[in-house]
Amino acid sequence: MSFGNNLGNSYQLSVISYQESVISYQIFYPHTPHPTSCSPLWD
């Protein structure tokens, strides 16, 4: 049970860090197209 919770928490943290990296990427390169416009994470 605790293993599943740890797995879910680490997955959420990885998704959050991924979104933060994409946001910082957009800030540094605002004129490039969105790299993950078709990703289900952004639905």
C-alpha atoms as a PDB file:
ATOM      1  CA  MET A   1       0.000   0.000   0.000  1.00  0.00           C
ATOM      2  CA  SER A   2       2.718   2.468   0.966  1.00  0.00           C
ATOM      3  CA  PHE A   3       4.676   1.479  -2.138  1.00  0.00           C
ATOM      4  CA  GLY A   4       1.751   2.511  -4.331  1.00  0.00           C
ATOM      5  CA  ASN A   5       1.463   5.830  -2.504  1.00  0.00           C
ATOM      6  CA  ASN A   6       5.173   6.506  -2.933  1.00  0.00           C
ATOM      7  CA  LEU A   7       4.923   5.618  -6.612  1.00  0.00           C
ATOM      8  CA  GLY A   8       1.986   7.987  -7.108  1.00  0.00           C
ATOM      9  CA  ASN A   9       3.734  10.800  -5.255  1.00  0.00           C
ATOM     10  CA  SER A  10       6.926  10.410  -7.272  1.00  0.00           C
ATOM     11  CA  TYR A  11       4.869  10.371 -10.491  1.00  0.00           C
ATOM     12  CA  GLN A  12       3.093  13.597  -9.497  1.00  0.00           C
ATOM     13  CA  LEU A  13       6.424  15.215  -8.617  1.00  0.00           C
ATOM     14  CA  SER A  14       7.901  14.188 -11.963  1.00  0.00           C
ATOM     15  CA  VAL A  15       4.876  15.601 -13.808  1.00  0.00           C
ATOM     16  CA  ILE A  16       5.134  18.862 -11.857  1.00  0.00           C
ATOM     17  CA  SER A  17       8.861  19.195 -12.529  1.00  0.00           C
ATOM     18  CA  TYR A  18       8.233  18.385 -16.222  1.00  0.00           C
ATOM     19  CA  GLN A  19       5.577  21.097 -16.473  1.00  0.00           C
ATOM     20  CA  GLU A  20       7.882  23.576 -14.726  1.00  0.00           C
ATOM     21  CA  SER A  21      10.662  22.778 -17.189  1.00  0.00           C
ATOM     22  CA  VAL A  22       8.252  23.279 -20.105  1.00  0.00           C
ATOM     23  CA  ILE A  23       7.122  26.614 -18.644  1.00  0.00           C
ATOM     24  CA  SER A  24      10.718  27.777 -18.203  1.00  0.00           C
ATOM     25  CA  TYR A  25      11.407  26.591 -21.773  1.00  0.00           C
ATOM     26  CA  GLN A  26       8.526  28.740 -23.033  1.00  0.00           C
ATOM     27  CA  ILE A  27       9.871  31.720 -21.068  1.00  0.00           C
ATOM     28  CA  PHE A  28      13.351  31.409 -22.559  1.00  0.00           C
ATOM     29  CA  TYR A  29      12.099  30.556 -26.056  1.00  0.00           C
ATOM     30  CA  PRO A  30       8.725  32.329 -26.355  1.00  0.00           C
ATOM     31  CA  HIS A  31       8.594  32.241 -30.163  1.00  0.00           C
ATOM     32  CA  THR A  32       8.970  28.498 -30.589  1.00  0.00           C
ATOM     33  CA  PRO A  33       5.876  26.277 -30.934  1.00  0.00           C
ATOM     34  CA  HIS A  34       4.711  24.365 -27.904  1.00  0.00           C
ATOM     35  CA  PRO A  35       6.725  21.109 -27.742  1.00  0.00           C
ATOM     36  CA  THR A  36       3.943  19.106 -26.077  1.00  0.00           C
ATOM     37  CA  SER A  37       0.788  20.576 -27.607  1.00  0.00           C
ATOM     38  CA  CYS A  38      -0.516  17.057 -28.284  1.00  0.00           C
ATOM     39  CA  SER A  39       0.449  15.678 -24.884  1.00  0.00           C
ATOM     40  CA  PRO A  40      -2.373  14.337 -22.666  1.00  0.00           C
ATOM     41  CA  LEU A  41      -0.754  16.127 -19.705  1.00  0.00           C
ATOM     42  CA  TRP A  42      -2.056  19.449 -21.036  1.00  0.00           C
ATOM     43  CA  ASP A  43      -5.666  18.440 -21.695  1.00  0.00           C
END
